[in-house]
């Protein structure tokens, strides 16, 4: 994550907005008193909140774990491709990008 001063952030705000929103690069900004804050795009924030919700929901994690046990081992998991995971009778879709921790955790649960 890039880290810059508040003054530099303000001077090049347009450039940082491009990086944050289009390149999905969060930035840590430090003010003159040494206090930090992080700027992320709304899309990235919502994605992180969804991931945290899923990781904290034990029932959903168990359902994902069970569905991972039935996943076709020949089906690739390429970054940027859309993946589908069956959650009991329903189907929940998500993008593999940013989901590595969730998928790894699910695989660990499935392995026992």
N, C-alpha and C. Protein backbone atom coordinates (compact mmCIF):
# COMPACT_ATOMS: atom_id res chain seq x y z
N UNK A 1 0.85 -1.17 0.00
CA UNK A 1 0.00 0.00 0.00
C UNK A 1 0.90 1.23 0.00
N UNK A 2 0.59 2.17 -0.88
CA UNK A 2 1.33 3.43 -0.92
C UNK A 2 1.00 4.26 0.31
N UNK A 3 1.97 5.05 0.75
CA UNK A 3 1.78 5.91 1.90
C UNK A 3 2.35 7.29 1.56
N UNK A 4 1.53 8.33 1.75
CA UNK A 4 1.97 9.69 1.44
C UNK A 4 1.47 10.67 2.48
N UNK A 5 2.01 11.89 2.43
CA UNK A 5 1.56 12.94 3.34
C UNK A 5 0.24 13.52 2.85
N UNK A 6 -0.47 14.14 3.76
CA UNK A 6 -1.75 14.76 3.41
C UNK A 6 -1.56 15.85 2.37
N UNK A 7 -0.51 16.65 2.52
CA UNK A 7 -0.26 17.73 1.55
C UNK A 7 -0.03 17.18 0.14
N UNK A 8 0.79 16.13 0.03
CA UNK A 8 1.04 15.52 -1.28
C UNK A 8 -0.24 14.91 -1.85
N UNK A 9 -1.04 14.31 -0.98
CA UNK A 9 -2.31 13.73 -1.42
C UNK A 9 -3.22 14.81 -2.01
N UNK A 10 -3.31 15.95 -1.31
CA UNK A 10 -4.16 17.03 -1.79
C UNK A 10 -3.64 17.61 -3.10
N UNK A 11 -2.32 17.72 -3.23
CA UNK A 11 -1.73 18.30 -4.44
C UNK A 11 -1.98 17.44 -5.68
N UNK A 12 -2.03 16.13 -5.50
CA UNK A 12 -2.20 15.23 -6.65
C UNK A 12 -3.46 14.38 -6.50
N UNK A 13 -4.51 15.00 -6.02
CA UNK A 13 -5.76 14.29 -5.74
C UNK A 13 -6.30 13.55 -6.97
N UNK A 14 -6.32 14.19 -8.12
CA UNK A 14 -6.86 13.55 -9.33
C UNK A 14 -6.11 12.26 -9.65
N UNK A 15 -4.79 12.29 -9.55
CA UNK A 15 -3.99 11.08 -9.83
C UNK A 15 -4.31 9.97 -8.84
N UNK A 16 -4.45 10.33 -7.57
CA UNK A 16 -4.74 9.31 -6.56
C UNK A 16 -6.13 8.73 -6.73
N UNK A 17 -7.09 9.56 -7.12
CA UNK A 17 -8.44 9.05 -7.37
C UNK A 17 -8.40 8.00 -8.47
N UNK A 18 -7.63 8.24 -9.52
CA UNK A 18 -7.48 7.26 -10.60
C UNK A 18 -6.90 5.95 -10.07
N UNK A 19 -5.83 6.04 -9.30
CA UNK A 19 -5.18 4.84 -8.77
C UNK A 19 -6.11 4.08 -7.82
N UNK A 20 -6.80 4.82 -6.98
CA UNK A 20 -7.66 4.21 -5.96
C UNK A 20 -8.88 3.55 -6.58
N UNK A 21 -9.53 4.26 -7.51
CA UNK A 21 -10.79 3.73 -8.05
C UNK A 21 -10.62 2.81 -9.24
N UNK A 22 -9.71 3.11 -10.15
CA UNK A 22 -9.57 2.31 -11.36
C UNK A 22 -8.52 1.22 -11.26
N UNK A 23 -7.46 1.49 -10.51
CA UNK A 23 -6.41 0.48 -10.36
C UNK A 23 -6.56 -0.30 -9.05
N UNK A 24 -7.55 0.05 -8.26
CA UNK A 24 -7.85 -0.63 -6.99
C UNK A 24 -6.63 -0.65 -6.07
N UNK A 25 -6.00 0.51 -5.93
CA UNK A 25 -4.83 0.64 -5.07
C UNK A 25 -5.18 1.56 -3.90
N UNK A 26 -5.38 1.02 -2.69
CA UNK A 26 -5.64 1.88 -1.54
C UNK A 26 -4.40 2.69 -1.20
N UNK A 27 -4.58 3.75 -0.44
CA UNK A 27 -3.46 4.60 -0.05
C UNK A 27 -3.60 4.99 1.42
N UNK A 28 -2.48 5.00 2.12
CA UNK A 28 -2.46 5.46 3.51
C UNK A 28 -1.95 6.90 3.50
N UNK A 29 -2.73 7.80 4.08
CA UNK A 29 -2.40 9.22 4.11
C UNK A 29 -2.10 9.61 5.56
N UNK A 30 -1.00 10.35 5.75
CA UNK A 30 -0.59 10.77 7.09
C UNK A 30 -0.65 12.29 7.17
N UNK A 31 -1.34 12.79 8.21
CA UNK A 31 -1.42 14.25 8.37
C UNK A 31 -0.18 14.77 9.10
N UNK A 32 -0.13 16.09 9.30
CA UNK A 32 1.05 16.72 9.90
C UNK A 32 1.26 16.33 11.37
N UNK A 33 0.24 15.75 12.01
CA UNK A 33 0.36 15.29 13.40
C UNK A 33 0.72 13.81 13.48
N UNK A 34 0.90 13.18 12.33
CA UNK A 34 1.27 11.77 12.31
C UNK A 34 0.11 10.80 12.36
N UNK A 35 -1.11 11.31 12.27
CA UNK A 35 -2.28 10.43 12.28
C UNK A 35 -2.56 9.95 10.85
N UNK A 36 -2.88 8.67 10.74
CA UNK A 36 -3.09 8.04 9.44
C UNK A 36 -4.56 7.78 9.16
N UNK A 37 -4.89 7.76 7.88
CA UNK A 37 -6.18 7.24 7.43
C UNK A 37 -5.95 6.58 6.08
N UNK A 38 -6.85 5.67 5.74
CA UNK A 38 -6.71 4.91 4.50
C UNK A 38 -7.85 5.29 3.56
N UNK A 39 -7.52 5.47 2.29
CA UNK A 39 -8.51 5.79 1.27
C UNK A 39 -8.62 4.59 0.33
N UNK A 40 -9.83 4.06 0.19
CA UNK A 40 -10.10 2.94 -0.72
C UNK A 40 -11.33 3.27 -1.54
N UNK A 41 -11.48 2.61 -2.67
CA UNK A 41 -12.66 2.83 -3.49
C UNK A 41 -13.88 2.21 -2.81
N UNK A 42 -15.05 2.71 -3.13
CA UNK A 42 -16.28 2.16 -2.57
C UNK A 42 -16.43 0.69 -2.95
N UNK A 43 -16.08 0.36 -4.19
CA UNK A 43 -16.18 -1.03 -4.65
C UNK A 43 -15.28 -1.94 -3.82
N UNK A 44 -14.05 -1.51 -3.57
CA UNK A 44 -13.13 -2.33 -2.77
C UNK A 44 -13.61 -2.44 -1.33
N UNK A 45 -14.14 -1.35 -0.78
CA UNK A 45 -14.66 -1.37 0.59
C UNK A 45 -15.80 -2.38 0.71
N UNK A 46 -16.74 -2.33 -0.23
CA UNK A 46 -17.87 -3.26 -0.19
C UNK A 46 -17.41 -4.70 -0.34
N UNK A 47 -16.43 -4.95 -1.19
CA UNK A 47 -15.89 -6.29 -1.38
C UNK A 47 -15.25 -6.80 -0.08
N UNK A 48 -14.51 -5.95 0.59
CA UNK A 48 -13.88 -6.34 1.86
C UNK A 48 -14.93 -6.61 2.93
N UNK A 49 -15.97 -5.79 2.98
CA UNK A 49 -17.03 -6.00 3.97
C UNK A 49 -17.74 -7.33 3.73
N UNK A 50 -17.99 -7.65 2.46
CA UNK A 50 -18.63 -8.93 2.13
C UNK A 50 -17.74 -10.10 2.55
N UNK A 51 -16.45 -9.99 2.27
CA UNK A 51 -15.51 -11.06 2.64
C UNK A 51 -15.49 -11.24 4.15
N UNK A 52 -15.43 -10.13 4.90
CA UNK A 52 -15.44 -10.23 6.37
C UNK A 52 -16.72 -10.87 6.87
N UNK A 53 -17.86 -10.51 6.27
CA UNK A 53 -19.13 -11.10 6.67
C UNK A 53 -19.11 -12.61 6.46
N UNK A 54 -18.65 -13.02 5.29
CA UNK A 54 -18.61 -14.45 4.98
C UNK A 54 -17.68 -15.18 5.94
N UNK A 55 -16.51 -14.63 6.18
CA UNK A 55 -15.54 -15.28 7.07
C UNK A 55 -16.04 -15.38 8.51
N UNK A 56 -16.88 -14.44 8.94
CA UNK A 56 -17.39 -14.44 10.30
C UNK A 56 -18.64 -15.29 10.46
N UNK A 57 -19.25 -15.70 9.37
CA UNK A 57 -20.49 -16.47 9.41
C UNK A 57 -20.14 -17.96 9.37
N UNK A 58 -20.16 -18.61 10.53
CA UNK A 58 -19.74 -20.02 10.61
C UNK A 58 -20.63 -20.94 9.77
N UNK A 59 -21.93 -20.72 9.78
CA UNK A 59 -22.83 -21.56 8.99
C UNK A 59 -22.51 -21.46 7.50
N UNK A 60 -22.32 -20.24 7.03
CA UNK A 60 -22.01 -20.04 5.62
C UNK A 60 -20.64 -20.65 5.28
N UNK A 61 -19.67 -20.51 6.16
CA UNK A 61 -18.34 -21.09 5.91
C UNK A 61 -18.44 -22.62 5.84
N UNK A 62 -19.27 -23.22 6.66
CA UNK A 62 -19.44 -24.67 6.60
C UNK A 62 -20.12 -25.08 5.30
N UNK A 63 -21.09 -24.29 4.85
CA UNK A 63 -21.75 -24.58 3.57
C UNK A 63 -20.75 -24.47 2.42
N UNK A 64 -19.93 -23.44 2.45
CA UNK A 64 -18.91 -23.27 1.42
C UNK A 64 -17.93 -24.43 1.47
N UNK A 65 -17.55 -24.82 2.67
CA UNK A 65 -16.62 -25.94 2.83
C UNK A 65 -17.19 -27.21 2.23
N UNK A 66 -18.46 -27.47 2.51
CA UNK A 66 -19.11 -28.67 1.94
C UNK A 66 -19.16 -28.58 0.42
N UNK A 67 -19.47 -27.42 -0.10
CA UNK A 67 -19.54 -27.28 -1.56
C UNK A 67 -18.16 -27.42 -2.19
N UNK A 68 -17.12 -26.99 -1.50
CA UNK A 68 -15.76 -27.13 -2.03
C UNK A 68 -15.36 -28.60 -2.11
N UNK A 69 -15.92 -29.43 -1.24
CA UNK A 69 -15.60 -30.85 -1.27
C UNK A 69 -16.12 -31.50 -2.55
N UNK A 70 -17.15 -30.90 -3.15
CA UNK A 70 -17.73 -31.44 -4.38
C UNK A 70 -17.24 -30.71 -5.63
N UNK A 71 -16.31 -29.78 -5.47
CA UNK A 71 -15.78 -29.00 -6.58
C UNK A 71 -14.99 -29.90 -7.52
N UNK A 72 -15.16 -29.70 -8.80
CA UNK A 72 -14.43 -30.46 -9.81
C UNK A 72 -12.95 -30.09 -9.74
N UNK A 73 -12.06 -31.06 -9.44
CA UNK A 73 -10.63 -30.75 -9.31
C UNK A 73 -10.00 -30.31 -10.62
N UNK A 74 -10.64 -30.58 -11.75
CA UNK A 74 -10.11 -30.17 -13.05
C UNK A 74 -10.49 -28.74 -13.42
N UNK A 75 -11.38 -28.14 -12.62
CA UNK A 75 -11.82 -26.78 -12.90
C UNK A 75 -10.78 -25.82 -12.33
N UNK A 76 -10.23 -24.97 -13.18
CA UNK A 76 -9.19 -24.03 -12.74
C UNK A 76 -9.73 -22.94 -11.86
N UNK A 77 -8.82 -22.25 -11.22
CA UNK A 77 -9.18 -21.15 -10.33
C UNK A 77 -8.32 -19.96 -10.70
N UNK A 78 -8.45 -19.47 -11.93
CA UNK A 78 -7.59 -18.41 -12.43
C UNK A 78 -8.07 -17.06 -11.93
N UNK A 79 -7.09 -16.25 -11.52
CA UNK A 79 -7.41 -14.92 -11.01
C UNK A 79 -8.11 -14.10 -12.09
N UNK A 80 -9.17 -13.40 -11.69
CA UNK A 80 -9.91 -12.57 -12.61
C UNK A 80 -11.05 -13.28 -13.31
N UNK A 81 -11.09 -14.59 -13.26
CA UNK A 81 -12.19 -15.34 -13.86
C UNK A 81 -13.31 -15.45 -12.83
N UNK A 82 -14.52 -15.53 -13.30
CA UNK A 82 -15.65 -15.66 -12.41
C UNK A 82 -15.78 -17.11 -11.96
N UNK A 83 -15.92 -17.31 -10.65
CA UNK A 83 -16.07 -18.65 -10.09
C UNK A 83 -17.44 -18.78 -9.46
N UNK A 84 -17.98 -19.99 -9.49
CA UNK A 84 -19.26 -20.25 -8.84
C UNK A 84 -19.04 -21.33 -7.81
N UNK A 85 -19.67 -21.15 -6.65
CA UNK A 85 -19.62 -22.17 -5.61
C UNK A 85 -21.04 -22.45 -5.19
N UNK A 86 -21.43 -23.71 -5.18
CA UNK A 86 -22.77 -24.09 -4.76
C UNK A 86 -22.86 -23.97 -3.25
N UNK A 87 -23.85 -23.28 -2.77
CA UNK A 87 -24.08 -23.17 -1.33
C UNK A 87 -25.41 -23.85 -1.08
N UNK A 88 -25.34 -25.16 -0.73
CA UNK A 88 -26.49 -26.03 -0.58
C UNK A 88 -27.36 -25.92 -1.82
N UNK A 89 -28.64 -25.54 -1.67
CA UNK A 89 -29.53 -25.49 -2.83
C UNK A 89 -29.39 -24.20 -3.63
N UNK A 90 -28.77 -23.21 -3.03
CA UNK A 90 -28.61 -21.93 -3.72
C UNK A 90 -27.28 -21.86 -4.44
N UNK A 91 -27.03 -20.75 -5.07
CA UNK A 91 -25.75 -20.56 -5.76
C UNK A 91 -25.28 -19.15 -5.46
N UNK A 92 -24.04 -19.03 -4.97
CA UNK A 92 -23.48 -17.72 -4.67
C UNK A 92 -22.27 -17.51 -5.58
N UNK A 93 -22.23 -16.37 -6.25
CA UNK A 93 -21.13 -16.08 -7.16
C UNK A 93 -20.21 -15.04 -6.53
N UNK A 94 -18.94 -15.19 -6.80
CA UNK A 94 -18.00 -14.15 -6.42
C UNK A 94 -16.77 -14.24 -7.32
N UNK A 95 -15.99 -13.18 -7.33
CA UNK A 95 -14.78 -13.15 -8.14
C UNK A 95 -13.61 -13.68 -7.32
N UNK A 96 -12.73 -14.41 -7.98
CA UNK A 96 -11.59 -15.00 -7.28
C UNK A 96 -10.63 -13.92 -6.80
N UNK A 97 -10.57 -12.80 -7.50
CA UNK A 97 -9.66 -11.75 -7.07
C UNK A 97 -10.08 -11.24 -5.70
N UNK A 98 -9.16 -11.25 -4.76
CA UNK A 98 -9.46 -10.81 -3.41
C UNK A 98 -10.13 -11.87 -2.57
N UNK A 99 -10.30 -13.05 -3.08
CA UNK A 99 -10.97 -14.11 -2.35
C UNK A 99 -10.01 -15.24 -1.98
N UNK A 100 -8.72 -15.07 -2.21
CA UNK A 100 -7.75 -16.13 -1.94
C UNK A 100 -7.81 -16.64 -0.52
N UNK A 101 -7.93 -15.72 0.44
CA UNK A 101 -7.99 -16.14 1.84
C UNK A 101 -9.24 -16.96 2.11
N UNK A 102 -10.36 -16.54 1.55
CA UNK A 102 -11.61 -17.27 1.73
C UNK A 102 -11.51 -18.66 1.13
N UNK A 103 -10.99 -18.77 -0.09
CA UNK A 103 -10.88 -20.06 -0.75
C UNK A 103 -9.91 -20.97 -0.01
N UNK A 104 -8.77 -20.42 0.44
CA UNK A 104 -7.80 -21.22 1.19
C UNK A 104 -8.42 -21.72 2.48
N UNK A 105 -9.14 -20.82 3.17
CA UNK A 105 -9.76 -21.20 4.43
C UNK A 105 -10.81 -22.28 4.20
N UNK A 106 -11.58 -22.15 3.13
CA UNK A 106 -12.60 -23.15 2.81
C UNK A 106 -11.96 -24.50 2.51
N UNK A 107 -10.85 -24.49 1.79
CA UNK A 107 -10.17 -25.74 1.47
C UNK A 107 -9.61 -26.39 2.74
N UNK A 108 -9.12 -25.58 3.68
CA UNK A 108 -8.63 -26.12 4.95
C UNK A 108 -9.77 -26.77 5.73
N UNK A 109 -10.94 -26.12 5.72
CA UNK A 109 -12.10 -26.69 6.41
C UNK A 109 -12.51 -28.01 5.76
N UNK A 110 -12.50 -28.05 4.44
CA UNK A 110 -12.89 -29.26 3.73
C UNK A 110 -11.92 -30.40 4.00
N UNK A 111 -10.65 -30.07 4.18
CA UNK A 111 -9.63 -31.10 4.43
C UNK A 111 -9.75 -31.67 5.84
N UNK A 112 -10.42 -30.93 6.71
CA UNK A 112 -10.65 -31.44 8.06
C UNK A 112 -9.61 -30.98 8.98
